Amino acid sequence: MSRADTGLLVGVALGYAGWFGGFRAFLLVAGVGAVGWIAGRFLDTGTVRPEFFGSHDGRREDQGPGRPR
C-alpha cells in the first residue's frame, strides 16, 4: 500500500471519527494513529531509539562536510 493510500485511509478514519463521535473521538483516533505510526516505523527500521528519529546534528549520512544541502 502506498503512502498516499495510507494517508487517504487515515483521513477517512479521522473524518468519520470527527463526524460521528465528535472532537474527543477525533483526537483519540489521531493519537492511536500516531502510536501505530511510531510502532510501524520502529518495526520497519529495526533501530534503537536514538537512531529512530534521525541524527542529532541535522545532516544526512550521505552528506560529507562542506557539501550543501
PDB file of N, CA and C in Angstrom:
ATOM      1  N   MET A   1       0.852  -1.166   0.000  1.00  0.00           N
ATOM      2  CA  MET A   1       0.000   0.000   0.000  1.00  0.00           C
ATOM      3  C   MET A   1       0.905   1.238   0.000  1.00  0.00           C
ATOM      4  N   SER A   2       0.588   2.186  -0.848  1.00  0.00           N
ATOM      5  CA  SER A   2       1.409   3.390  -0.942  1.00  0.00           C
ATOM      6  C   SER A   2       1.111   4.350   0.203  1.00  0.00           C
ATOM      7  N   ARG A   3       1.992   5.322   0.355  1.00  0.00           N
ATOM      8  CA  ARG A   3       1.783   6.324   1.411  1.00  0.00           C
ATOM      9  C   ARG A   3       0.545   7.168   1.139  1.00  0.00           C
ATOM     10  N   ALA A   4       0.241   7.390  -0.128  1.00  0.00           N
ATOM     11  CA  ALA A   4      -0.967   8.157  -0.466  1.00  0.00           C
ATOM     12  C   ALA A   4      -2.220   7.391  -0.057  1.00  0.00           C
ATOM     13  N   ASP A   5      -2.222   6.083  -0.292  1.00  0.00           N
ATOM     14  CA  ASP A   5      -3.371   5.263   0.116  1.00  0.00           C
ATOM     15  C   ASP A   5      -3.520   5.244   1.632  1.00  0.00           C
ATOM     16  N   THR A   6      -2.402   5.129   2.322  1.00  0.00           N
ATOM     17  CA  THR A   6      -2.435   5.142   3.779  1.00  0.00           C
ATOM     18  C   THR A   6      -2.945   6.482   4.294  1.00  0.00           C
ATOM     19  N   GLY A   7      -2.477   7.567   3.702  1.00  0.00           N
ATOM     20  CA  GLY A   7      -2.956   8.887   4.094  1.00  0.00           C
ATOM     21  C   GLY A   7      -4.441   9.052   3.850  1.00  0.00           C
ATOM     22  N   LEU A   8      -4.923   8.502   2.742  1.00  0.00           N
ATOM     23  CA  LEU A   8      -6.353   8.555   2.447  1.00  0.00           C
ATOM     24  C   LEU A   8      -7.152   7.804   3.506  1.00  0.00           C
ATOM     25  N   LEU A   9      -6.700   6.612   3.867  1.00  0.00           N
ATOM     26  CA  LEU A   9      -7.411   5.829   4.879  1.00  0.00           C
ATOM     27  C   LEU A   9      -7.401   6.519   6.238  1.00  0.00           C
ATOM     28  N   VAL A  10      -6.286   7.113   6.608  1.00  0.00           N
ATOM     29  CA  VAL A  10      -6.219   7.839   7.875  1.00  0.00           C
ATOM     30  C   VAL A  10      -7.161   9.038   7.848  1.00  0.00           C
ATOM     31  N   GLY A  11      -7.183   9.750   6.742  1.00  0.00           N
ATOM     32  CA  GLY A  11      -8.086  10.892   6.619  1.00  0.00           C
ATOM     33  C   GLY A  11      -9.547  10.499   6.716  1.00  0.00           C
ATOM     34  N   VAL A  12      -9.894   9.397   6.079  1.00  0.00           N
ATOM     35  CA  VAL A  12     -11.281   8.916   6.150  1.00  0.00           C
ATOM     36  C   VAL A  12     -11.625   8.497   7.583  1.00  0.00           C
ATOM     37  N   ALA A  13     -10.712   7.791   8.249  1.00  0.00           N
ATOM     38  CA  ALA A  13     -10.967   7.366   9.632  1.00  0.00           C
ATOM     39  C   ALA A  13     -11.135   8.573  10.543  1.00  0.00           C
ATOM     40  N   LEU A  14     -10.278   9.585  10.386  1.00  0.00           N
ATOM     41  CA  LEU A  14     -10.407  10.790  11.206  1.00  0.00           C
ATOM     42  C   LEU A  14     -11.691  11.544  10.886  1.00  0.00           C
ATOM     43  N   GLY A  15     -12.071  11.568   9.628  1.00  0.00           N
ATOM     44  CA  GLY A  15     -13.323  12.225   9.244  1.00  0.00           C
ATOM     45  C   GLY A  15     -14.535  11.558   9.870  1.00  0.00           C
ATOM     46  N   TYR A  16     -14.581  10.228   9.793  1.00  0.00           N
ATOM     47  CA  TYR A  16     -15.695   9.511  10.413  1.00  0.00           C
ATOM     48  C   TYR A  16     -15.709   9.706  11.923  1.00  0.00           C
ATOM     49  N   ALA A  17     -14.546   9.662  12.541  1.00  0.00           N
ATOM     50  CA  ALA A  17     -14.497   9.849  13.995  1.00  0.00           C
ATOM     51  C   ALA A  17     -14.964  11.247  14.370  1.00  0.00           C
ATOM     52  N   GLY A  18     -14.554  12.240  13.621  1.00  0.00           N
ATOM     53  CA  GLY A  18     -14.981  13.610  13.903  1.00  0.00           C
ATOM     54  C   GLY A  18     -16.461  13.823  13.667  1.00  0.00           C
ATOM     55  N   TRP A  19     -16.991  13.213  12.616  1.00  0.00           N
ATOM     56  CA  TRP A  19     -18.400  13.408  12.270  1.00  0.00           C
ATOM     57  C   TRP A  19     -19.325  12.683  13.246  1.00  0.00           C
ATOM     58  N   PHE A  20     -19.024  11.415  13.517  1.00  0.00           N
ATOM     59  CA  PHE A  20     -19.931  10.615  14.327  1.00  0.00           C
ATOM     60  C   PHE A  20     -19.612  10.653  15.816  1.00  0.00           C
ATOM     61  N   GLY A  21     -18.370  10.876  16.187  1.00  0.00           N
ATOM     62  CA  GLY A  21     -18.003  10.786  17.581  1.00  0.00           C
ATOM     63  C   GLY A  21     -17.659  12.110  18.224  1.00  0.00           C
ATOM     64  N   GLY A  22     -17.518  13.152  17.433  1.00  0.00           N
ATOM     65  CA  GLY A  22     -17.173  14.449  17.988  1.00  0.00           C
ATOM     66  C   GLY A  22     -15.673  14.651  18.070  1.00  0.00           C
ATOM     67  N   PHE A  23     -15.301  15.754  18.684  1.00  0.00           N
ATOM     68  CA  PHE A  23     -13.900  16.159  18.718  1.00  0.00           C
ATOM     69  C   PHE A  23     -13.047  15.217  19.567  1.00  0.00           C
ATOM     70  N   ARG A  24     -13.610  14.700  20.655  1.00  0.00           N
ATOM     71  CA  ARG A  24     -12.854  13.761  21.501  1.00  0.00           C
ATOM     72  C   ARG A  24     -12.497  12.500  20.734  1.00  0.00           C
ATOM     73  N   ALA A  25     -13.446  11.966  19.989  1.00  0.00           N
ATOM     74  CA  ALA A  25     -13.179  10.770  19.192  1.00  0.00           C
ATOM     75  C   ALA A  25     -12.143  11.063  18.113  1.00  0.00           C
ATOM     76  N   PHE A  26     -12.210  12.253  17.522  1.00  0.00           N
ATOM     77  CA  PHE A  26     -11.220  12.666  16.532  1.00  0.00           C
ATOM     78  C   PHE A  26      -9.822  12.650  17.137  1.00  0.00           C
ATOM     79  N   LEU A  27      -9.674  13.228  18.341  1.00  0.00           N
ATOM     80  CA  LEU A  27      -8.367  13.250  18.997  1.00  0.00           C
ATOM     81  C   LEU A  27      -7.911  11.851  19.380  1.00  0.00           C
ATOM     82  N   LEU A  28      -8.820  11.011  19.824  1.00  0.00           N
ATOM     83  CA  LEU A  28      -8.468   9.643  20.188  1.00  0.00           C
ATOM     84  C   LEU A  28      -7.966   8.868  18.974  1.00  0.00           C
ATOM     85  N   VAL A  29      -8.660   8.964  17.858  1.00  0.00           N
ATOM     86  CA  VAL A  29      -8.237   8.266  16.645  1.00  0.00           C
ATOM     87  C   VAL A  29      -6.899   8.812  16.154  1.00  0.00           C
ATOM     88  N   ALA A  30      -6.707  10.124  16.227  1.00  0.00           N
ATOM     89  CA  ALA A  30      -5.434  10.709  15.812  1.00  0.00           C
ATOM     90  C   ALA A  30      -4.293  10.240  16.717  1.00  0.00           C
ATOM     91  N   GLY A  31      -4.525  10.170  18.018  1.00  0.00           N
ATOM     92  CA  GLY A  31      -3.495   9.714  18.954  1.00  0.00           C
ATOM     93  C   GLY A  31      -3.134   8.248  18.758  1.00  0.00           C
ATOM     94  N   VAL A  32      -4.141   7.418  18.586  1.00  0.00           N
ATOM     95  CA  VAL A  32      -3.891   5.996  18.359  1.00  0.00           C
ATOM     96  C   VAL A  32      -3.192   5.796  17.016  1.00  0.00           C
ATOM     97  N   GLY A  33      -3.551   6.597  16.030  1.00  0.00           N
ATOM     98  CA  GLY A  33      -2.868   6.527  14.741  1.00  0.00           C
ATOM     99  C   GLY A  33      -1.405   6.907  14.842  1.00  0.00           C
ATOM    100  N   ALA A  34      -1.098   7.907  15.654  1.00  0.00           N
ATOM    101  CA  ALA A  34       0.294   8.319  15.844  1.00  0.00           C
ATOM    102  C   ALA A  34       1.097   7.219  16.536  1.00  0.00           C
ATOM    103  N   VAL A  35       0.501   6.578  17.531  1.00  0.00           N
ATOM    104  CA  VAL A  35       1.181   5.468  18.207  1.00  0.00           C
ATOM    105  C   VAL A  35       1.406   4.318  17.225  1.00  0.00           C
ATOM    106  N   GLY A  36       0.443   4.041  16.398  1.00  0.00           N
ATOM    107  CA  GLY A  36       0.586   2.992  15.389  1.00  0.00           C
ATOM    108  C   GLY A  36       1.655   3.323  14.368  1.00  0.00           C
ATOM    109  N   TRP A  37       1.736   4.602  13.987  1.00  0.00           N
ATOM    110  CA  TRP A  37       2.777   5.016  13.040  1.00  0.00           C
ATOM    111  C   TRP A  37       4.161   4.833  13.649  1.00  0.00           C
ATOM    112  N   ILE A  38       4.323   5.219  14.903  1.00  0.00           N
ATOM    113  CA  ILE A  38       5.616   5.072  15.576  1.00  0.00           C
ATOM    114  C   ILE A  38       5.983   3.593  15.687  1.00  0.00           C
ATOM    115  N   ALA A  39       5.033   2.756  16.060  1.00  0.00           N
ATOM    116  CA  ALA A  39       5.317   1.321  16.165  1.00  0.00           C
ATOM    117  C   ALA A  39       5.667   0.732  14.801  1.00  0.00           C
ATOM    118  N   GLY A  40       4.947   1.117  13.776  1.00  0.00           N
ATOM    119  CA  GLY A  40       5.238   0.615  12.433  1.00  0.00           C
ATOM    120  C   GLY A  40       6.591   1.073  11.928  1.00  0.00           C
ATOM    121  N   ARG A  41       6.935   2.316  12.203  1.00  0.00           N
ATOM    122  CA  ARG A  41       8.242   2.820  11.773  1.00  0.00           C
ATOM    123  C   ARG A  41       9.361   2.096  12.518  1.00  0.00           C
ATOM    124  N   PHE A  42       9.159   1.834  13.804  1.00  0.00           N
ATOM    125  CA  PHE A  42      10.156   1.102  14.572  1.00  0.00           C
ATOM    126  C   PHE A  42      10.332  -0.307  14.016  1.00  0.00           C
ATOM    127  N   LEU A  43       9.233  -0.966  13.678  1.00  0.00           N
ATOM    128  CA  LEU A  43       9.323  -2.311  13.132  1.00  0.00           C
ATOM    129  C   LEU A  43       9.956  -2.317  11.743  1.00  0.00           C
ATOM    130  N   ASP A  44       9.705  -1.288  10.952  1.00  0.00           N
ATOM    131  CA  ASP A  44      10.311  -1.203   9.616  1.00  0.00           C
ATOM    132  C   ASP A  44      11.811  -0.972   9.679  1.00  0.00           C
ATOM    133  N   THR A  45      12.239  -0.073  10.560  1.00  0.00           N
ATOM    134  CA  THR A  45      13.654   0.277  10.606  1.00  0.00           C
ATOM    135  C   THR A  45      14.438  -0.668  11.499  1.00  0.00           C
ATOM    136  N   GLY A  46      13.853  -1.145  12.585  1.00  0.00           N
ATOM    137  CA  GLY A  46      14.524  -2.054  13.498  1.00  0.00           C
ATOM    138  C   GLY A  46      15.716  -1.435  14.199  1.00  0.00           C
ATOM    139  N   THR A  47      15.677  -0.141  14.422  1.00  0.00           N
ATOM    140  CA  THR A  47      16.800   0.537  15.053  1.00  0.00           C
ATOM    141  C   THR A  47      16.488   0.834  16.505  1.00  0.00           C
ATOM    142  N   VAL A  48      17.524   1.246  17.222  1.00  0.00           N
ATOM    143  CA  VAL A  48      17.322   1.661  18.606  1.00  0.00           C
ATOM    144  C   VAL A  48      16.758   3.066  18.627  1.00  0.00           C
ATOM    145  N   ARG A  49      16.276   3.497  19.752  1.00  0.00           N
ATOM    146  CA  ARG A  49      15.528   4.746  19.847  1.00  0.00           C
ATOM    147  C   ARG A  49      16.273   5.986  19.374  1.00  0.00           C
ATOM    148  N   PRO A  50      17.529   6.246  19.734  1.00  0.00           N
ATOM    149  CA  PRO A  50      18.185   7.472  19.247  1.00  0.00           C
ATOM    150  C   PRO A  50      18.318   7.526  17.725  1.00  0.00           C
ATOM    151  N   GLU A  51      18.516   6.366  17.088  1.00  0.00           N
ATOM    152  CA  GLU A  51      18.622   6.336  15.633  1.00  0.00           C
ATOM    153  C   GLU A  51      17.250   6.400  14.966  1.00  0.00           C
ATOM    154  N   PHE A  52      16.223   6.119  15.722  1.00  0.00           N
ATOM    155  CA  PHE A  52      14.866   6.032  15.194  1.00  0.00           C
ATOM    156  C   PHE A  52      14.387   7.358  14.612  1.00  0.00           C
ATOM    157  N   PHE A  53      14.675   8.453  15.294  1.00  0.00           N
ATOM    158  CA  PHE A  53      14.194   9.759  14.856  1.00  0.00           C
ATOM    159  C   PHE A  53      15.214  10.513  14.035  1.00  0.00           C
ATOM    160  N   GLY A  54      16.346   9.921  13.718  1.00  0.00           N
ATOM    161  CA  GLY A  54      17.345  10.562  12.871  1.00  0.00           C
ATOM    162  C   GLY A  54      18.523  11.064  13.683  1.00  0.00           C
ATOM    163  N   SER A  55      19.462  11.660  12.955  1.00  0.00           N
ATOM    164  CA  SER A  55      20.676  12.143  13.615  1.00  0.00           C
ATOM    165  C   SER A  55      20.397  13.442  14.358  1.00  0.00           C
ATOM    166  N   HIS A  56      21.251  13.738  15.319  1.00  0.00           N
ATOM    167  CA  HIS A  56      21.048  14.920  16.150  1.00  0.00           C
ATOM    168  C   HIS A  56      21.667  16.166  15.553  1.00  0.00           C
ATOM    169  N   ASP A  57      22.603  16.019  14.612  1.00  0.00           N
ATOM    170  CA  ASP A  57      23.253  17.203  14.057  1.00  0.00           C
ATOM    171  C   ASP A  57      22.544  17.756  12.837  1.00  0.00           C
ATOM    172  N   GLY A  58      21.488  17.088  12.384  1.00  0.00           N
ATOM    173  CA  GLY A  58      20.688  17.614  11.288  1.00  0.00           C
ATOM    174  C   GLY A  58      21.216  17.280   9.908  1.00  0.00           C
ATOM    175  N   ARG A  59      22.313  16.548   9.804  1.00  0.00           N
ATOM    176  CA  ARG A  59      22.856  16.184   8.495  1.00  0.00           C
ATOM    177  C   ARG A  59      22.489  14.753   8.173  1.00  0.00           C
ATOM    178  N   ARG A  60      22.291  14.498   6.898  1.00  0.00           N
ATOM    179  CA  ARG A  60      22.066  13.142   6.458  1.00  0.00           C
ATOM    180  C   ARG A  60      23.407  12.438   6.323  1.00  0.00           C
ATOM    181  N   GLU A  61      23.378  11.107   6.351  1.00  0.00           N
ATOM    182  CA  GLU A  61      24.621  10.353   6.300  1.00  0.00           C
ATOM    183  C   GLU A  61      25.340  10.482   4.959  1.00  0.00           C
ATOM    184  N   ASP A  62      24.594  10.729   3.874  1.00  0.00           N
ATOM    185  CA  ASP A  62      25.231  10.796   2.567  1.00  0.00           C
ATOM    186  C   ASP A  62      25.866  12.149   2.284  1.00  0.00           C
ATOM    187  N   GLN A  63      25.797  13.060   3.226  1.00  0.00           N
ATOM    188  CA  GLN A  63      26.396  14.372   3.052  1.00  0.00           C
ATOM    189  C   GLN A  63      27.709  14.440   3.812  1.00  0.00           C
ATOM    190  N   GLY A  64      28.750  14.782   3.114  1.00  0.00           N
ATOM    191  CA  GLY A  64      30.030  14.967   3.765  1.00  0.00           C
ATOM    192  C   GLY A  64      30.146  16.381   4.268  1.00  0.00           C
ATOM    193  N   PRO A  65      31.219  16.675   4.981  1.00  0.00           N
ATOM    194  CA  PRO A  65      31.401  18.059   5.460  1.00  0.00           C
ATOM    195  C   PRO A  65      31.625  19.001   4.294  1.00  0.00           C
ATOM    196  N   GLY A  66      30.988  20.122   4.336  1.00  0.00           N
ATOM    197  CA  GLY A  66      31.168  21.139   3.307  1.00  0.00           C
ATOM    198  C   GLY A  66      30.265  21.002   2.108  1.00  0.00           C
ATOM    199  N   ARG A  67      29.492  19.926   2.034  1.00  0.00           N
ATOM    200  CA  ARG A  67      28.564  19.772   0.910  1.00  0.00           C
ATOM    201  C   ARG A  67      27.276  20.509   1.219  1.00  0.00           C
ATOM    202  N   PRO A  68      26.732  21.230   0.249  1.00  0.00           N
ATOM    203  CA  PRO A  68      25.465  21.925   0.507  1.00  0.00           C
ATOM    204  C   PRO A  68      24.312  20.942   0.610  1.00  0.00           C
ATOM    205  N   ARG A  69      23.288  21.358   1.296  1.00  0.00           N
ATOM    206  CA  ARG A  69      22.094  20.520   1.443  1.00  0.00           C
ATOM    207  C   ARG A  69      21.305  20.648   0.233  1.00  0.00           C
TER     208      ARG A  69
END
